[in-house]
Protein backbone atom coordinates (compact mmCIF):
# COMPACT_ATOMS: atom_id res chain seq x y z
CA MET A 1 14.42 23.64 35.80
CA ASN A 2 13.44 20.74 38.30
CA ASN A 3 15.92 19.71 40.75
CA SER A 4 15.45 16.01 39.60
CA TRP A 5 17.28 17.01 36.67
CA LEU A 6 20.58 17.98 38.57
CA ARG A 7 23.33 15.78 38.41
CA TYR A 8 26.37 15.85 40.43
CA SER A 9 29.91 14.32 39.10
CA LEU A 10 32.13 12.93 41.69
CA SER A 11 35.06 12.89 39.32
CA THR A 12 34.97 16.55 38.19
CA ASP A 13 33.09 17.60 41.59
CA SER A 14 30.50 19.76 39.37
CA VAL A 15 26.92 19.83 38.74
CA TYR A 16 25.26 19.63 35.27
CA CYS A 17 21.83 19.11 34.04
CA GLY A 18 20.79 15.73 32.58
CA PRO A 19 18.65 17.08 29.50
CA SER A 20 21.23 19.75 28.70
CA ARG A 21 24.10 17.19 28.91
CA PHE A 22 22.62 14.58 26.32
CA PHE A 23 20.22 16.74 24.42
CA GLY A 24 21.77 20.19 24.64
CA PRO A 25 24.12 21.88 22.03
CA GLN A 26 27.76 20.72 22.04
CA SER A 27 29.07 24.46 20.66
CA GLY A 28 27.90 27.73 20.92
CA ASP A 29 27.52 30.56 23.57
CA SER A 30 28.56 29.52 26.99
CA LYS A 31 25.22 30.38 28.45
CA GLU A 32 23.80 28.01 26.11
CA LYS A 33 26.26 25.22 26.96
CA ALA A 34 26.09 26.00 30.70
CA PHE A 35 25.10 22.76 32.92
CA GLY A 36 25.55 20.86 29.65
CA THR A 37 29.17 20.34 28.27
CA THR A 38 30.16 23.27 30.63
CA GLN A 39 29.76 21.80 34.22
CA ILE A 40 29.11 24.39 36.91
CA THR A 41 31.50 24.58 39.92
CA ASP A 42 30.33 27.95 41.30
CA TRP A 43 28.89 26.88 44.30
CA SER A 44 28.33 30.08 45.72
CA ASN A 45 26.12 31.26 42.65
CA LEU A 46 24.62 28.12 42.06
CA GLY A 47 21.00 29.50 42.67
CA LYS A 48 21.26 32.25 40.20
CA LEU A 49 23.06 30.02 37.55
CA ILE A 50 20.01 27.72 37.71
CA THR A 51 17.61 30.42 37.20
CA ARG A 52 19.46 31.92 34.15
CA HIS A 53 19.70 28.49 32.86
CA LYS A 54 16.09 27.92 33.12
CA VAL A 55 15.03 30.73 30.78
CA THR A 56 17.34 29.51 27.89
CA LYS A 57 15.94 28.14 24.76
CA SER A 58 18.54 25.13 24.59
CA TYR A 59 17.17 24.05 28.17
CA HIS A 60 13.66 23.85 27.21
CA ASN A 61 14.56 22.20 23.94
CA SER A 62 16.47 19.67 25.68
CA LEU A 63 13.92 19.12 28.32
CA LEU A 64 11.16 18.28 25.79
CA SER A 65 13.96 16.02 23.73
CA SER A 66 14.68 14.24 26.92
CA THR A 67 10.79 13.63 27.61
CA SER A 68 10.10 12.65 24.28
CA CYS A 69 12.81 9.96 24.70
CA LEU A 70 11.60 8.72 28.23
CA ASN A 71 8.15 8.21 26.97
CA ILE A 72 9.36 6.29 24.10
CA THR A 73 11.38 4.37 26.28
CA ASP A 74 8.60 3.65 28.61
CA GLY A 75 6.22 2.91 25.92
CA LYS A 76 3.97 6.03 26.41
CA ALA A 77 4.75 7.06 22.79
CA LYS A 78 5.90 6.16 19.48
CA ASP A 79 8.98 6.37 17.94
CA VAL A 80 9.60 8.04 14.44
CA THR A 81 10.03 4.64 12.68
CA CYS A 82 6.51 3.56 14.17
CA LYS A 83 4.82 6.60 13.19
CA SER A 84 6.44 6.53 9.62
CA THR A 85 5.17 3.01 9.27
CA GLU A 86 1.93 3.78 10.49
CA GLY A 87 1.72 6.87 7.70
CA TYR A 88 2.76 4.32 5.21
CA GLU A 89 -0.11 1.78 6.19
CA SER A 90 -2.60 4.34 6.15
CA VAL A 91 -1.86 5.27 2.44
CA VAL A 92 -1.65 1.56 1.59
CA ALA A 93 -5.06 1.01 3.14
CA LYS A 94 -6.47 4.14 1.10
CA ASN A 95 -5.10 2.86 -1.95
CA ARG A 96 -6.10 -0.70 -1.47
CA HIS A 97 -9.92 0.74 -0.64
CA ILE A 98 -10.00 2.58 -3.96
CA LEU A 99 -8.60 -0.08 -6.02
CA ASN A 100 -11.05 -2.52 -4.57
CA CYS A 101 -14.07 -0.20 -5.54
CA ILE A 102 -12.88 -0.06 -8.73
CA ILE A 103 -12.56 -3.71 -9.12
CA GLU A 104 -15.96 -4.37 -7.86
CA THR A 105 -17.37 -1.93 -10.26
CA ILE A 106 -15.55 -3.78 -13.08
CA ILE A 107 -17.24 -7.22 -11.83
CA LEU A 108 -20.38 -5.63 -11.59
CA CYS A 109 -20.16 -4.47 -15.18
CA GLY A 110 -19.23 -8.10 -16.20
CA ASN A 111 -21.79 -9.79 -14.20
CA GLN A 112 -24.42 -7.67 -15.64
CA GLY A 113 -22.87 -7.76 -19.39
CA LEU A 114 -22.31 -3.85 -19.57
CA ALA A 115 -19.89 -2.58 -21.86
CA LEU A 116 -17.30 -0.67 -19.71
CA ARG A 117 -16.57 1.94 -22.10
CA GLY A 118 -18.66 4.37 -24.14
CA HIS A 119 -17.84 6.82 -27.13
CA ASN A 120 -15.80 8.90 -24.82
CA LYS A 121 -14.25 8.49 -21.65
CA GLU A 122 -17.18 10.02 -19.44
CA ASP A 123 -19.97 8.12 -20.98
CA GLY A 124 -19.01 4.71 -20.36
CA ASN A 125 -20.50 2.29 -17.69
CA PHE A 126 -17.71 2.13 -15.55
CA SER A 127 -17.12 5.86 -15.28
CA ARG A 128 -20.88 6.58 -14.39
CA LEU A 129 -21.12 3.56 -11.88
CA SER A 130 -17.86 4.94 -10.26
CA HIS A 131 -19.05 8.01 -10.03
CA TYR A 132 -22.41 7.11 -8.63
CA ARG A 133 -21.03 5.07 -5.86
CA SER A 134 -18.37 7.87 -4.98
CA ARG A 135 -21.33 10.04 -3.80
CA ASP A 136 -21.44 7.64 -0.50
CA ASN A 137 -17.60 7.00 -0.69
CA SER A 138 -15.61 10.08 0.46
CA ILE A 139 -12.34 8.55 -0.26
CA LEU A 140 -13.30 7.46 -3.64
CA ARG A 141 -14.97 10.56 -4.41
CA GLU A 142 -11.61 12.66 -3.35
CA HIS A 143 -9.42 10.14 -5.46
CA LEU A 144 -11.77 10.72 -8.65
CA LEU A 145 -12.04 14.49 -8.44
CA LYS A 146 -8.08 14.88 -8.27
CA SER A 147 -6.97 15.85 -11.84
CA GLU A 148 -3.37 16.22 -11.03
CA LEU A 149 -3.02 12.40 -9.85
CA GLN A 150 -0.83 10.62 -12.26
CA TYR A 151 -2.21 7.02 -11.66
CA LYS A 152 -5.75 6.91 -10.98
CA TYR A 153 -6.34 3.00 -11.78
CA THR A 154 -9.28 3.69 -14.22
CA SER A 155 -7.57 3.87 -17.66
CA PRO A 156 -8.54 1.26 -20.46
CA ASP A 157 -5.51 -0.55 -19.87
CA ILE A 158 -5.86 -0.91 -16.19
CA GLN A 159 -9.33 -1.92 -16.90
CA ASN A 160 -8.27 -4.52 -19.19
CA GLU A 161 -5.59 -5.82 -16.86
CA ILE A 162 -8.06 -6.15 -13.85
CA ILE A 163 -10.39 -7.90 -16.23
CA GLN A 164 -7.59 -10.45 -17.32
CA ILE A 165 -6.69 -11.17 -13.53
CA CYS A 166 -10.26 -11.71 -12.95
CA GLY A 167 -10.21 -14.30 -15.62
CA GLU A 168 -7.50 -16.11 -14.53
CA MET A 169 -8.79 -16.61 -11.00
CA ILE A 170 -11.85 -17.90 -12.23
CA VAL A 171 -10.07 -20.41 -14.68
CA ASP A 172 -7.91 -21.46 -11.64
CA ASP A 173 -11.04 -22.20 -9.49
CA ILE A 174 -12.66 -23.96 -12.19
CA VAL A 175 -9.57 -26.15 -12.71
CA GLN A 176 -9.42 -26.91 -8.87
CA ASP A 177 -12.98 -28.11 -8.91
CA CYS A 178 -12.30 -30.13 -12.14
CA ASN A 179 -9.19 -31.79 -10.61
CA LYS A 180 -11.16 -32.86 -7.54
CA CYS A 181 -13.45 -35.22 -9.81
CA PRO A 182 -12.36 -38.52 -10.96
CA CYS A 183 -12.76 -37.90 -14.52
CA PHE A 184 -13.66 -35.08 -16.88
CA GLY A 185 -13.94 -34.28 -20.75
CA PHE A 186 -12.89 -31.52 -22.87
CA ILE A 187 -15.33 -29.72 -25.35
CA ALA A 188 -13.72 -27.81 -28.29
CA ASP A 189 -14.99 -26.04 -31.52
CA GLU A 190 -13.19 -23.98 -33.80
CA ALA A 191 -14.45 -20.52 -35.55
CA ALA A 192 -12.87 -17.53 -37.10
CA ASP A 193 -13.21 -14.34 -35.57
CA CYS A 194 -13.49 -10.81 -37.64
CA SER A 195 -9.43 -10.88 -38.32
CA THR A 196 -9.93 -14.27 -39.96
CA ILE A 197 -7.89 -15.95 -37.33
CA GLU A 198 -9.04 -19.32 -36.46
CA GLN A 199 -9.54 -19.66 -32.80
CA MET A 200 -10.81 -22.81 -30.56
CA ALA A 201 -13.20 -22.45 -27.55
CA LEU A 202 -12.29 -24.74 -24.83
CA CYS A 203 -14.72 -25.85 -22.21
CA VAL A 204 -14.60 -28.79 -19.52
CA ARG A 205 -17.50 -31.02 -18.46
CA PHE A 206 -17.35 -32.82 -15.10
CA PHE A 207 -19.59 -33.68 -12.34
CA ASP A 208 -19.32 -31.41 -9.06
CA ASN A 209 -19.38 -33.47 -5.98
CA SER A 210 -20.07 -30.45 -3.95
CA GLN A 211 -23.19 -29.48 -5.78
CA GLY A 212 -24.15 -32.54 -7.00
CA ILE A 213 -24.65 -31.55 -10.58
CA ILE A 214 -22.81 -31.80 -14.11
CA ARG A 215 -21.00 -28.45 -15.08
CA GLU A 216 -19.90 -27.13 -18.13
CA GLU A 217 -17.40 -24.37 -17.78
CA PHE A 218 -15.59 -22.21 -20.34
CA ILE A 219 -11.93 -21.75 -19.68
CA GLY A 220 -10.87 -19.90 -22.58
CA PHE A 221 -9.67 -19.33 -26.45
CA ALA A 222 -6.62 -20.74 -27.93
CA GLU A 223 -5.48 -19.70 -31.31
CA CYS A 224 -5.19 -22.64 -33.76
CA ARG A 225 -1.98 -22.99 -35.73
CA VAL A 226 -1.36 -25.21 -38.69
CA PHE A 227 1.69 -26.88 -39.14
CA PHE A 228 3.09 -28.19 -42.29
CA LYS A 229 5.75 -30.52 -42.45
CA ILE A 230 7.62 -30.33 -45.67
CA SER A 231 9.40 -33.83 -47.11
CA GLU A 232 12.52 -33.01 -49.02
CA GLN A 233 13.01 -35.32 -51.79
CA ARG A 234 16.43 -35.88 -53.08
CA VAL A 235 17.36 -37.03 -56.59
CA PHE A 236 20.34 -39.29 -57.38
């Protein structure tokens, strides 16, 4: 035990070990509590008691705990909260990287006019491109190869949700560009889909000041609904 850890108490006229006092066991064997909760007043045998205390397990554990506490206080080490936060941030960054790769693959298929899904799960363009990209991306490869994962963000429902979110973002950008112009026009056309539901395609036409061109942009479909007003006739 380093003598720098020895502390003298004026009120009890005794010696104790700093680390054992604050980080040592509060109950148990008297040898383990020596120089901690049990203060030493036997001055004639102080050297022997110090030597005996140095080999106890409680002293070494207390010394490690006190050293860690001082390092955290001096800023030389991070506490448990910081370490847990770093672990959480690492997981978040990893998941964001994986999700970003998936979104970029979906956008690529959309830009190239490719269908995402094929006749089965593994034959689709999305699945093939994702596995091809994972050849040079260890994080994505590890994610795709883990069959026990509950959430892979590659299901058709997730693909459709990502497509919808991308579409909403594109429409928002178009609306912002349109609102910057002094005037604009609507273009609409009505047609029936395969389920005989009347749908109206909506487009906007406006002059883009930043590019100096006239733009015609599609902003979405709207279901056509016919409302009939029935007048009630009363016979008197």
